[in-house]
């Protein structure tokens, strides 16, 4: 009896990973060209832009990034003077990260570009495709306890 083979091209987790990576790469061209950011730097900038103040641990959880990627992104954004670190009053191991005025300006410049990218991406699908992808992604998030 032949061992069972997993066809990656039809395996949903693999397909979702490849799709997410392709979309992320396409969008990364915009923020790389505009701001010279890497993916982790963009995720850090956008997380802080959305939420205000966060810790590195919270950023990692929100963006699903490993702590070393968060650490490097934070260091680079701090080098650019786009974020500041404030030690926690109760726990010296924790730092609260906040965008500076320059970081917030970079974030605000990127928001309309990100929204336009999303609109254009969804427009490629047509109305039925848009409804299906939004519904399907939401259903997966609910099924996995992510929403």
C-alpha atoms as a PDB file:
ATOM      1  CA  UNK A   1       0.000   0.000   0.000  1.00  0.00           C
ATOM      2  CA  UNK A   2       1.357   3.386  -1.033  1.00  0.00           C
ATOM      3  CA  UNK A   3       1.825   5.959   1.728  1.00  0.00           C
ATOM      4  CA  UNK A   4      -0.658   8.813   1.603  1.00  0.00           C
ATOM      5  CA  UNK A   5       0.717  11.980  -0.022  1.00  0.00           C
ATOM      6  CA  UNK A   6      -0.224  15.508   0.902  1.00  0.00           C
ATOM      7  CA  UNK A   7      -0.643  17.723  -2.142  1.00  0.00           C
ATOM      8  CA  UNK A   8       0.468  21.091  -0.856  1.00  0.00           C
ATOM      9  CA  UNK A   9      -1.091  22.980  -3.765  1.00  0.00           C
ATOM     10  CA  UNK A  10      -4.561  21.932  -2.588  1.00  0.00           C
ATOM     11  CA  UNK A  11      -3.865  21.963   1.193  1.00  0.00           C
ATOM     12  CA  UNK A  12      -5.796  24.933   2.626  1.00  0.00           C
ATOM     13  CA  UNK A  13      -3.222  26.059   5.248  1.00  0.00           C
ATOM     14  CA  UNK A  14      -0.519  26.085   2.570  1.00  0.00           C
ATOM     15  CA  UNK A  15      -2.738  27.940   0.114  1.00  0.00           C
ATOM     16  CA  UNK A  16      -3.649  30.556   2.744  1.00  0.00           C
ATOM     17  CA  UNK A  17      -0.005  31.033   3.686  1.00  0.00           C
ATOM     18  CA  UNK A  18       1.020  31.483   0.042  1.00  0.00           C
ATOM     19  CA  UNK A  19      -1.850  33.887  -0.590  1.00  0.00           C
ATOM     20  CA  UNK A  20      -1.104  35.969   2.501  1.00  0.00           C
ATOM     21  CA  UNK A  21       2.558  36.110   1.540  1.00  0.00           C
ATOM     22  CA  UNK A  22       1.759  37.170  -2.044  1.00  0.00           C
ATOM     23  CA  UNK A  23      -0.586  39.941  -0.879  1.00  0.00           C
ATOM     24  CA  UNK A  24       1.920  41.081   1.739  1.00  0.00           C
ATOM     25  CA  UNK A  25       4.747  41.174  -0.820  1.00  0.00           C
ATOM     26  CA  UNK A  26       2.635  43.191  -3.246  1.00  0.00           C
ATOM     27  CA  UNK A  27       1.678  45.712  -0.566  1.00  0.00           C
ATOM     28  CA  UNK A  28       5.256  45.853   0.742  1.00  0.00           C
ATOM     29  CA  UNK A  29       6.351  47.445  -2.528  1.00  0.00           C
ATOM     30  CA  UNK A  30       4.287  50.492  -1.630  1.00  0.00           C
ATOM     31  CA  UNK A  31       5.664  51.125   1.861  1.00  0.00           C
ATOM     32  CA  UNK A  32       9.189  50.128   0.841  1.00  0.00           C
ATOM     33  CA  UNK A  33       9.134  52.616  -2.030  1.00  0.00           C
ATOM     34  CA  UNK A  34       7.409  55.347  -0.044  1.00  0.00           C
ATOM     35  CA  UNK A  35       9.070  55.021   3.373  1.00  0.00           C
ATOM     36  CA  UNK A  36      11.894  52.487   2.950  1.00  0.00           C
ATOM     37  CA  UNK A  37      10.243  50.141   5.446  1.00  0.00           C
ATOM     38  CA  UNK A  38      10.587  46.399   5.837  1.00  0.00           C
ATOM     39  CA  UNK A  39       7.523  44.246   6.582  1.00  0.00           C
ATOM     40  CA  UNK A  40       8.244  44.086  10.333  1.00  0.00           C
ATOM     41  CA  UNK A  41       8.849  47.846  10.434  1.00  0.00           C
ATOM     42  CA  UNK A  42       5.552  48.478   8.628  1.00  0.00           C
ATOM     43  CA  UNK A  43       3.683  46.149  10.997  1.00  0.00           C
ATOM     44  CA  UNK A  44       5.237  47.907  13.991  1.00  0.00           C
ATOM     45  CA  UNK A  45       4.470  51.368  12.621  1.00  0.00           C
ATOM     46  CA  UNK A  46       0.881  50.445  11.757  1.00  0.00           C
ATOM     47  CA  UNK A  47       0.281  48.702  15.090  1.00  0.00           C
ATOM     48  CA  UNK A  48       1.422  51.744  17.041  1.00  0.00           C
ATOM     49  CA  UNK A  49      -0.410  54.072  14.669  1.00  0.00           C
ATOM     50  CA  UNK A  50      -3.639  52.194  15.278  1.00  0.00           C
ATOM     51  CA  UNK A  51      -3.335  51.541  19.006  1.00  0.00           C
ATOM     52  CA  UNK A  52      -1.165  54.382  20.287  1.00  0.00           C
ATOM     53  CA  UNK A  53       1.077  52.949  22.984  1.00  0.00           C
ATOM     54  CA  UNK A  54       2.006  49.259  23.068  1.00  0.00           C
ATOM     55  CA  UNK A  55       4.699  47.021  24.492  1.00  0.00           C
ATOM     56  CA  UNK A  56       6.943  44.927  22.257  1.00  0.00           C
ATOM     57  CA  UNK A  57       5.119  41.813  23.491  1.00  0.00           C
ATOM     58  CA  UNK A  58       1.748  43.290  22.520  1.00  0.00           C
ATOM     59  CA  UNK A  59       3.133  44.239  19.096  1.00  0.00           C
ATOM     60  CA  UNK A  60       4.366  40.704  18.570  1.00  0.00           C
ATOM     61  CA  UNK A  61       0.992  39.236  19.515  1.00  0.00           C
ATOM     62  CA  UNK A  62      -0.981  41.678  17.365  1.00  0.00           C
ATOM     63  CA  UNK A  63       1.206  41.240  14.288  1.00  0.00           C
ATOM     64  CA  UNK A  64       2.145  37.558  14.759  1.00  0.00           C
ATOM     65  CA  UNK A  65       5.845  38.473  14.617  1.00  0.00           C
ATOM     66  CA  UNK A  66       8.645  36.762  16.521  1.00  0.00           C
ATOM     67  CA  UNK A  67      10.155  38.892  19.282  1.00  0.00           C
ATOM     68  CA  UNK A  68      13.478  39.251  17.446  1.00  0.00           C
ATOM     69  CA  UNK A  69      11.714  40.765  14.410  1.00  0.00           C
ATOM     70  CA  UNK A  70       9.786  43.137  16.684  1.00  0.00           C
ATOM     71  CA  UNK A  71      13.015  44.095  18.460  1.00  0.00           C
ATOM     72  CA  UNK A  72      14.832  44.874  15.199  1.00  0.00           C
ATOM     73  CA  UNK A  73      11.876  46.844  13.842  1.00  0.00           C
ATOM     74  CA  UNK A  74      11.603  48.855  17.068  1.00  0.00           C
ATOM     75  CA  UNK A  75      15.346  49.592  17.000  1.00  0.00           C
ATOM     76  CA  UNK A  76      15.157  50.803  13.387  1.00  0.00           C
ATOM     77  CA  UNK A  77      12.094  52.991  13.966  1.00  0.00           C
ATOM     78  CA  UNK A  78      13.773  54.417  17.066  1.00  0.00           C
ATOM     79  CA  UNK A  79      16.920  55.107  15.011  1.00  0.00           C
ATOM     80  CA  UNK A  80      14.742  57.047  12.558  1.00  0.00           C
ATOM     81  CA  UNK A  81      13.248  58.900  15.527  1.00  0.00           C
ATOM     82  CA  UNK A  82       9.793  57.548  14.660  1.00  0.00           C
ATOM     83  CA  UNK A  83       9.143  56.004  18.058  1.00  0.00           C
ATOM     84  CA  UNK A  84      10.098  56.440  21.670  1.00  0.00           C
ATOM     85  CA  UNK A  85      10.469  53.928  24.490  1.00  0.00           C
ATOM     86  CA  UNK A  86       9.236  54.702  27.986  1.00  0.00           C
ATOM     87  CA  UNK A  87      10.118  52.329  30.827  1.00  0.00           C
ATOM     88  CA  UNK A  88       7.153  50.902  32.739  1.00  0.00           C
ATOM     89  CA  UNK A  89       6.847  52.375  36.241  1.00  0.00           C
ATOM     90  CA  UNK A  90       6.176  48.971  37.820  1.00  0.00           C
ATOM     91  CA  UNK A  91       8.293  46.610  35.727  1.00  0.00           C
ATOM     92  CA  UNK A  92      11.682  47.782  34.459  1.00  0.00           C
ATOM     93  CA  UNK A  93      11.760  44.908  31.916  1.00  0.00           C
ATOM     94  CA  UNK A  94       8.777  46.415  30.060  1.00  0.00           C
ATOM     95  CA  UNK A  95       8.916  49.426  27.766  1.00  0.00           C
ATOM     96  CA  UNK A  96       5.942  51.285  26.332  1.00  0.00           C
ATOM     97  CA  UNK A  97       6.423  52.200  22.687  1.00  0.00           C
ATOM     98  CA  UNK A  98       4.813  55.274  21.150  1.00  0.00           C
ATOM     99  CA  UNK A  99       5.161  56.965  17.776  1.00  0.00           C
ATOM    100  CA  UNK A 100       6.783  60.382  17.673  1.00  0.00           C
ATOM    101  CA  UNK A 101       5.324  63.198  15.569  1.00  0.00           C
ATOM    102  CA  UNK A 102       7.524  62.074  12.670  1.00  0.00           C
ATOM    103  CA  UNK A 103       6.409  58.456  13.076  1.00  0.00           C
ATOM    104  CA  UNK A 104       2.775  59.472  13.252  1.00  0.00           C
ATOM    105  CA  UNK A 105       3.204  61.593  10.104  1.00  0.00           C
ATOM    106  CA  UNK A 106       4.692  58.592   8.267  1.00  0.00           C
ATOM    107  CA  UNK A 107       1.820  56.411   9.476  1.00  0.00           C
ATOM    108  CA  UNK A 108      -0.801  58.972   8.410  1.00  0.00           C
ATOM    109  CA  UNK A 109       0.799  59.212   4.962  1.00  0.00           C
ATOM    110  CA  UNK A 110       0.535  55.426   4.591  1.00  0.00           C
ATOM    111  CA  UNK A 111      -3.080  54.965   5.768  1.00  0.00           C
ATOM    112  CA  UNK A 112      -4.763  56.213   2.566  1.00  0.00           C
ATOM    113  CA  UNK A 113      -2.272  54.221   0.473  1.00  0.00           C
ATOM    114  CA  UNK A 114      -3.061  51.052   2.455  1.00  0.00           C
ATOM    115  CA  UNK A 115      -6.799  51.596   2.102  1.00  0.00           C
ATOM    116  CA  UNK A 116      -6.439  52.251  -1.639  1.00  0.00           C
ATOM    117  CA  UNK A 117      -4.389  49.052  -2.006  1.00  0.00           C
ATOM    118  CA  UNK A 118      -7.108  47.067  -0.244  1.00  0.00           C
ATOM    119  CA  UNK A 119      -9.848  48.615  -2.394  1.00  0.00           C
ATOM    120  CA  UNK A 120      -7.932  47.861  -5.595  1.00  0.00           C
ATOM    121  CA  UNK A 121      -7.205  44.302  -4.483  1.00  0.00           C
ATOM    122  CA  UNK A 122     -10.857  43.640  -3.664  1.00  0.00           C
ATOM    123  CA  UNK A 123     -11.975  45.311  -6.913  1.00  0.00           C
ATOM    124  CA  UNK A 124     -10.048  42.631  -8.832  1.00  0.00           C
ATOM    125  CA  UNK A 125     -12.448  40.046  -7.386  1.00  0.00           C
ATOM    126  CA  UNK A 126     -15.740  41.563  -8.471  1.00  0.00           C
ATOM    127  CA  UNK A 127     -18.738  41.888  -6.173  1.00  0.00           C
ATOM    128  CA  UNK A 128     -19.375  38.171  -5.733  1.00  0.00           C
ATOM    129  CA  UNK A 129     -15.701  37.418  -5.108  1.00  0.00           C
ATOM    130  CA  UNK A 130     -15.430  40.247  -2.558  1.00  0.00           C
ATOM    131  CA  UNK A 131     -18.432  38.955  -0.609  1.00  0.00           C
ATOM    132  CA  UNK A 132     -17.064  35.407  -0.706  1.00  0.00           C
ATOM    133  CA  UNK A 133     -13.574  36.317   0.507  1.00  0.00           C
ATOM    134  CA  UNK A 134     -14.839  38.566   3.313  1.00  0.00           C
ATOM    135  CA  UNK A 135     -17.318  35.913   4.417  1.00  0.00           C
ATOM    136  CA  UNK A 136     -14.787  33.094   4.168  1.00  0.00           C
ATOM    137  CA  UNK A 137     -12.055  34.899   6.067  1.00  0.00           C
ATOM    138  CA  UNK A 138     -14.520  35.909   8.786  1.00  0.00           C
ATOM    139  CA  UNK A 139     -15.778  32.323   9.065  1.00  0.00           C
ATOM    140  CA  UNK A 140     -12.205  31.026   9.455  1.00  0.00           C
ATOM    141  CA  UNK A 141     -11.401  33.669  12.081  1.00  0.00           C
ATOM    142  CA  UNK A 142     -14.508  32.712  14.066  1.00  0.00           C
ATOM    143  CA  UNK A 143     -13.811  28.984  13.711  1.00  0.00           C
ATOM    144  CA  UNK A 144     -10.246  29.463  14.971  1.00  0.00           C
ATOM    145  CA  UNK A 145     -11.308  31.747  17.820  1.00  0.00           C
ATOM    146  CA  UNK A 146      -9.630  34.798  16.365  1.00  0.00           C
ATOM    147  CA  UNK A 147     -12.668  37.069  16.271  1.00  0.00           C
END
